[in-house]
C-alpha atoms as a PDB file:
ATOM      1  CA  MET A   1      34.341 169.579  40.642  1.00  0.00           C
ATOM      2  CA  LYS A   2      32.269 172.718  41.197  1.00  0.00           C
ATOM      3  CA  LYS A   3      34.836 173.944  43.679  1.00  0.00           C
ATOM      4  CA  ILE A   4      37.634 173.289  41.235  1.00  0.00           C
ATOM      5  CA  LEU A   5      36.087 175.403  38.545  1.00  0.00           C
ATOM      6  CA  SER A   6      35.239 178.219  40.886  1.00  0.00           C
ATOM      7  CA  LEU A   7      38.927 178.318  41.826  1.00  0.00           C
ATOM      8  CA  LEU A   8      39.447 179.693  38.367  1.00  0.00           C
ATOM      9  CA  LEU A   9      38.147 182.912  39.905  1.00  0.00           C
ATOM     10  CA  LEU A  10      41.553 184.399  39.307  1.00  0.00           C
ATOM     11  CA  LEU A  11      41.559 183.129  35.752  1.00  0.00           C
ATOM     12  CA  LEU A  12      42.108 185.700  33.096  1.00  0.00           C
ATOM     13  CA  LEU A  13      42.571 188.835  35.124  1.00  0.00           C
ATOM     14  CA  LEU A  14      42.754 191.033  32.146  1.00  0.00           C
ATOM     15  CA  THR A  15      44.905 194.042  32.269  1.00  0.00           C
ATOM     16  CA  GLY A  16      44.637 196.059  29.162  1.00  0.00           C
ATOM     17  CA  CYS A  17      42.239 193.815  27.281  1.00  0.00           C
ATOM     18  CA  GLY A  18      42.342 194.909  23.673  1.00  0.00           C
ATOM     19  CA  GLY A  19      39.694 196.687  21.726  1.00  0.00           C
ATOM     20  CA  ASN A  20      38.424 200.175  21.450  1.00  0.00           C
ATOM     21  CA  ASN A  21      35.158 199.575  23.261  1.00  0.00           C
ATOM     22  CA  ALA A  22      33.642 197.459  26.002  1.00  0.00           C
ATOM     23  CA  ARG A  23      32.130 194.995  23.522  1.00  0.00           C
ATOM     24  CA  ASN A  24      35.543 194.182  22.051  1.00  0.00           C
ATOM     25  CA  ALA A  25      37.049 193.750  25.513  1.00  0.00           C
ATOM     26  CA  VAL A  26      34.393 191.165  26.453  1.00  0.00           C
ATOM     27  CA  ASP A  27      34.740 189.474  23.080  1.00  0.00           C
ATOM     28  CA  SER A  28      38.509 189.161  23.626  1.00  0.00           C
ATOM     29  CA  TYR A  29      37.951 187.826  27.137  1.00  0.00           C
ATOM     30  CA  LEU A  30      35.628 185.045  25.967  1.00  0.00           C
ATOM     31  CA  LYS A  31      37.791 184.211  22.955  1.00  0.00           C
ATOM     32  CA  LYS A  32      40.636 183.406  25.336  1.00  0.00           C
ATOM     33  CA  TYR A  33      38.506 180.528  26.598  1.00  0.00           C
ATOM     34  CA  ARG A  34      37.456 179.364  23.140  1.00  0.00           C
ATOM     35  CA  ASN A  35      41.000 179.536  21.783  1.00  0.00           C
ATOM     36  CA  LEU A  36      42.502 177.880  24.869  1.00  0.00           C
ATOM     37  CA  SER A  37      44.950 180.733  25.340  1.00  0.00           C
ATOM     38  CA  SER A  38      48.138 180.095  27.255  1.00  0.00           C
ATOM     39  CA  GLU A  39      46.665 181.986  30.238  1.00  0.00           C
ATOM     40  CA  VAL A  40      43.660 179.672  30.290  1.00  0.00           C
ATOM     41  CA  LEU A  41      45.791 176.539  29.956  1.00  0.00           C
ATOM     42  CA  VAL A  42      48.205 177.550  32.721  1.00  0.00           C
ATOM     43  CA  ASP A  43      45.347 178.244  35.123  1.00  0.00           C
ATOM     44  CA  LEU A  44      43.641 175.022  34.055  1.00  0.00           C
ATOM     45  CA  GLU A  45      46.788 172.988  34.803  1.00  0.00           C
ATOM     46  CA  ASN A  46      47.341 174.704  38.155  1.00  0.00           C
ATOM     47  CA  THR A  47      43.770 173.933  39.150  1.00  0.00           C
ATOM     48  CA  ILE A  48      43.838 170.307  38.023  1.00  0.00           C
ATOM     49  CA  THR A  49      47.106 169.514  39.798  1.00  0.00           C
ATOM     50  CA  LYS A  50      45.675 170.813  43.089  1.00  0.00           C
ATOM     51  CA  GLU A  51      42.927 168.195  42.960  1.00  0.00           C
ATOM     52  CA  ASN A  52      43.188 164.757  44.490  1.00  0.00           C
ATOM     53  CA  LEU A  53      42.874 162.971  41.147  1.00  0.00           C
ATOM     54  CA  THR A  54      44.772 160.108  39.593  1.00  0.00           C
ATOM     55  CA  ASN A  55      46.778 160.848  36.444  1.00  0.00           C
ATOM     56  CA  GLU A  56      44.031 159.258  34.345  1.00  0.00           C
ATOM     57  CA  GLN A  57      41.364 161.334  36.116  1.00  0.00           C
ATOM     58  CA  GLN A  58      43.405 164.492  35.597  1.00  0.00           C
ATOM     59  CA  GLU A  59      43.545 163.741  31.869  1.00  0.00           C
ATOM     60  CA  LYS A  60      39.780 163.175  31.715  1.00  0.00           C
ATOM     61  CA  TYR A  61      39.105 166.363  33.615  1.00  0.00           C
ATOM     62  CA  ARG A  62      41.502 168.309  31.383  1.00  0.00           C
ATOM     63  CA  ASP A  63      39.617 167.005  28.338  1.00  0.00           C
ATOM     64  CA  VAL A  64      36.266 167.975  29.873  1.00  0.00           C
ATOM     65  CA  LEU A  65      37.375 171.536  30.526  1.00  0.00           C
ATOM     66  CA  LYS A  66      39.072 171.976  27.155  1.00  0.00           C
ATOM     67  CA  LYS A  67      35.929 170.755  25.395  1.00  0.00           C
ATOM     68  CA  GLN A  68      33.820 173.112  27.499  1.00  0.00           C
ATOM     69  CA  TYR A  69      35.942 176.113  26.644  1.00  0.00           C
ATOM     70  CA  LYS A  70      36.404 175.351  22.938  1.00  0.00           C
ATOM     71  CA  ASP A  71      32.683 174.746  22.421  1.00  0.00           C
ATOM     72  CA  LEU A  72      31.508 177.774  24.417  1.00  0.00           C
ATOM     73  CA  THR A  73      29.338 179.985  22.243  1.00  0.00           C
ATOM     74  CA  TYR A  74      28.146 183.468  23.051  1.00  0.00           C
ATOM     75  CA  GLU A  75      26.202 186.391  21.761  1.00  0.00           C
ATOM     76  CA  ILE A  76      26.578 189.956  22.963  1.00  0.00           C
ATOM     77  CA  VAL A  77      23.040 191.192  23.479  1.00  0.00           C
ATOM     78  CA  GLU A  78      23.443 194.634  25.047  1.00  0.00           C
ATOM     79  CA  GLU A  79      25.962 197.328  25.870  1.00  0.00           C
ATOM     80  CA  GLN A  80      25.513 200.186  28.302  1.00  0.00           C
ATOM     81  CA  TYR A  81      28.073 202.918  28.744  1.00  0.00           C
ATOM     82  CA  ASP A  82      28.300 205.067  31.868  1.00  0.00           C
ATOM     83  CA  ASP A  83      30.979 207.515  32.886  1.00  0.00           C
ATOM     84  CA  ASP A  84      33.041 205.169  35.047  1.00  0.00           C
ATOM     85  CA  ALA A  85      31.997 201.725  33.853  1.00  0.00           C
ATOM     86  CA  SER A  86      30.383 199.943  30.972  1.00  0.00           C
ATOM     87  CA  TYR A  87      28.168 196.882  31.137  1.00  0.00           C
ATOM     88  CA  VAL A  88      28.099 194.247  28.434  1.00  0.00           C
ATOM     89  CA  THR A  89      25.372 191.612  28.637  1.00  0.00           C
ATOM     90  CA  VAL A  90      26.192 188.311  26.989  1.00  0.00           C
ATOM     91  CA  LYS A  91      24.215 185.118  26.455  1.00  0.00           C
ATOM     92  CA  VAL A  92      26.597 182.163  26.776  1.00  0.00           C
ATOM     93  CA  SER A  93      25.847 178.576  25.847  1.00  0.00           C
ATOM     94  CA  VAL A  94      27.916 175.848  27.538  1.00  0.00           C
ATOM     95  CA  TYR A  95      27.755 172.145  28.253  1.00  0.00           C
ATOM     96  CA  ASP A  96      25.576 171.466  31.286  1.00  0.00           C
ATOM     97  CA  LEU A  97      28.277 170.043  33.548  1.00  0.00           C
ATOM     98  CA  TYR A  98      26.108 170.845  36.549  1.00  0.00           C
ATOM     99  CA  LYS A  99      23.510 168.369  35.273  1.00  0.00           C
ATOM    100  CA  ALA A 100      26.178 165.727  34.657  1.00  0.00           C
ATOM    101  CA  GLN A 101      27.455 166.132  38.227  1.00  0.00           C
ATOM    102  CA  SER A 102      23.954 166.175  39.677  1.00  0.00           C
ATOM    103  CA  ASP A 103      22.947 163.055  37.736  1.00  0.00           C
ATOM    104  CA  ALA A 104      26.112 161.289  38.947  1.00  0.00           C
ATOM    105  CA  SER A 105      25.300 162.216  42.544  1.00  0.00           C
ATOM    106  CA  ILE A 106      21.749 160.898  42.212  1.00  0.00           C
ATOM    107  CA  TYR A 107      23.045 157.699  40.640  1.00  0.00           C
ATOM    108  CA  LEU A 108      25.489 157.247  43.533  1.00  0.00           C
ATOM    109  CA  ALA A 109      22.673 157.699  46.062  1.00  0.00           C
ATOM    110  CA  ASN A 110      20.517 155.106  44.293  1.00  0.00           C
ATOM    111  CA  ASN A 111      23.319 152.632  43.501  1.00  0.00           C
ATOM    112  CA  PRO A 112      25.955 152.934  46.225  1.00  0.00           C
ATOM    113  CA  ASP A 113      27.134 149.335  45.910  1.00  0.00           C
ATOM    114  CA  GLU A 114      28.384 149.977  42.375  1.00  0.00           C
ATOM    115  CA  PHE A 115      31.092 152.195  43.828  1.00  0.00           C
ATOM    116  CA  ASN A 116      32.422 149.736  46.379  1.00  0.00           C
ATOM    117  CA  ASP A 117      35.748 147.971  46.078  1.00  0.00           C
ATOM    118  CA  ASN A 118      36.211 144.193  46.266  1.00  0.00           C
ATOM    119  CA  THR A 119      35.861 144.270  50.044  1.00  0.00           C
ATOM    120  CA  GLY A 120      32.581 146.187  49.978  1.00  0.00           C
ATOM    121  CA  VAL A 121      34.074 149.526  51.029  1.00  0.00           C
ATOM    122  CA  TYR A 122      33.135 152.711  49.150  1.00  0.00           C
ATOM    123  CA  ASP A 123      35.798 153.627  46.566  1.00  0.00           C
ATOM    124  CA  ASN A 124      35.753 157.349  45.790  1.00  0.00           C
ATOM    125  CA  ASP A 125      37.964 156.817  42.720  1.00  0.00           C
ATOM    126  CA  LYS A 126      35.246 154.679  41.146  1.00  0.00           C
ATOM    127  CA  TYR A 127      32.714 157.429  41.735  1.00  0.00           C
ATOM    128  CA  THR A 128      35.081 160.135  40.450  1.00  0.00           C
ATOM    129  CA  ASP A 129      35.698 158.105  37.287  1.00  0.00           C
ATOM    130  CA  TYR A 130      31.959 157.710  36.804  1.00  0.00           C
ATOM    131  CA  LYS A 131      31.307 161.431  37.312  1.00  0.00           C
ATOM    132  CA  LEU A 132      34.118 162.461  34.965  1.00  0.00           C
ATOM    133  CA  ASP A 133      32.800 160.097  32.302  1.00  0.00           C
ATOM    134  CA  ARG A 134      29.356 161.672  32.635  1.00  0.00           C
ATOM    135  CA  MET A 135      30.886 165.125  32.318  1.00  0.00           C
ATOM    136  CA  LYS A 136      33.024 164.109  29.333  1.00  0.00           C
ATOM    137  CA  ASN A 137      30.083 162.646  27.430  1.00  0.00           C
ATOM    138  CA  ILE A 138      27.484 165.334  28.100  1.00  0.00           C
ATOM    139  CA  THR A 139      26.025 166.881  24.974  1.00  0.00           C
ATOM    140  CA  GLU A 140      23.258 168.945  26.563  1.00  0.00           C
ATOM    141  CA  LYS A 141      23.899 172.644  26.735  1.00  0.00           C
ATOM    142  CA  VAL A 142      22.526 175.348  28.963  1.00  0.00           C
ATOM    143  CA  ASP A 143      22.235 179.086  28.306  1.00  0.00           C
ATOM    144  CA  TYR A 144      23.105 181.772  30.815  1.00  0.00           C
ATOM    145  CA  THR A 145      23.028 185.539  30.763  1.00  0.00           C
ATOM    146  CA  ILE A 146      26.065 187.290  32.181  1.00  0.00           C
ATOM    147  CA  THR A 147      26.614 191.024  32.523  1.00  0.00           C
ATOM    148  CA  PHE A 148      30.299 191.893  32.454  1.00  0.00           C
ATOM    149  CA  THR A 149      31.542 195.103  34.018  1.00  0.00           C
ATOM    150  CA  VAL A 150      34.149 196.825  31.888  1.00  0.00           C
ATOM    151  CA  THR A 151      36.179 199.839  32.956  1.00  0.00           C
ATOM    152  CA  LYS A 152      38.459 202.102  31.000  1.00  0.00           C
ATOM    153  CA  GLU A 153      42.044 202.221  32.230  1.00  0.00           C
ATOM    154  CA  ASN A 154      44.730 204.151  30.388  1.00  0.00           C
ATOM    155  CA  ASP A 155      42.466 204.444  27.340  1.00  0.00           C
ATOM    156  CA  LYS A 156      41.892 200.672  27.224  1.00  0.00           C
ATOM    157  CA  TYR A 157      38.742 198.816  28.169  1.00  0.00           C
ATOM    158  CA  VAL A 158      39.368 196.153  30.817  1.00  0.00           C
ATOM    159  CA  VAL A 159      36.969 193.385  31.828  1.00  0.00           C
ATOM    160  CA  GLU A 160      36.602 193.359  35.590  1.00  0.00           C
ATOM    161  CA  GLN A 161      36.969 190.013  37.333  1.00  0.00           C
ATOM    162  CA  PRO A 162      33.603 188.224  36.945  1.00  0.00           C
ATOM    163  CA  THR A 163      31.791 187.084  40.055  1.00  0.00           C
ATOM    164  CA  GLU A 164      32.185 183.494  41.197  1.00  0.00           C
ATOM    165  CA  ILE A 165      28.624 182.807  40.010  1.00  0.00           C
ATOM    166  CA  ASP A 166      29.387 184.195  36.550  1.00  0.00           C
ATOM    167  CA  LEU A 167      32.524 182.032  36.349  1.00  0.00           C
ATOM    168  CA  GLN A 168      30.446 179.002  37.339  1.00  0.00           C
ATOM    169  CA  LYS A 169      28.120 179.857  34.461  1.00  0.00           C
ATOM    170  CA  ILE A 170      31.020 180.049  32.001  1.00  0.00           C
ATOM    171  CA  HIS A 171      32.263 176.691  33.267  1.00  0.00           C
ATOM    172  CA  GLY A 172      28.799 175.128  33.103  1.00  0.00           C
ATOM    173  CA  VAL A 173      28.660 174.159  36.787  1.00  0.00           C
ATOM    174  CA  TYR A 174      26.268 176.825  38.094  1.00  0.00           C
ATOM    175  CA  ASN A 175      23.464 175.354  40.218  1.00  0.00           C
ATOM    176  CA  TYR A 176      20.513 176.823  38.362  1.00  0.00           C
ATOM    177  CA  GLU A 177      18.107 174.812  40.512  1.00  0.00           C
ATOM    178  CA  LEU A 178      18.599 177.440  43.216  1.00  0.00           C
ATOM    179  CA  ASP A 179      17.106 180.177  41.006  1.00  0.00           C
END
């Protein structure tokens, strides 16, 4: 699932993000997630359909991501303006989908027989269902700090494409155990 979310790297390439300063541009960018803008939903659907998921699993995953985006909270903590670029530091709070995935992986390692079919062969769909259920039911949140780069183009502030790591943070799948 981590890979799926990082594929949203192209999500929300903002050209001409509104606002008269870098803060407003970042605020507009994050509100597109929270408000499930049409851009977000189109990219979400394109990503989900590329996955090898059953229709039921696709629906669960769609619900997980919509919940993540709608419940994302953030606070802009700092703005720095330079000649060519501005930097807006934001603290985001998202559901800890990384923990849900990690816990599911540990459970699989300790209980592999629970994910076998009737003939004793591993059934990946059973595991995927289990992992998606863990992700759907997670209530724990995690906070991340992200610094967005914002440039001014044609008198409008534009949020530059966030790094893959920053997108993973927004999606709640960043492996913070590596820090």
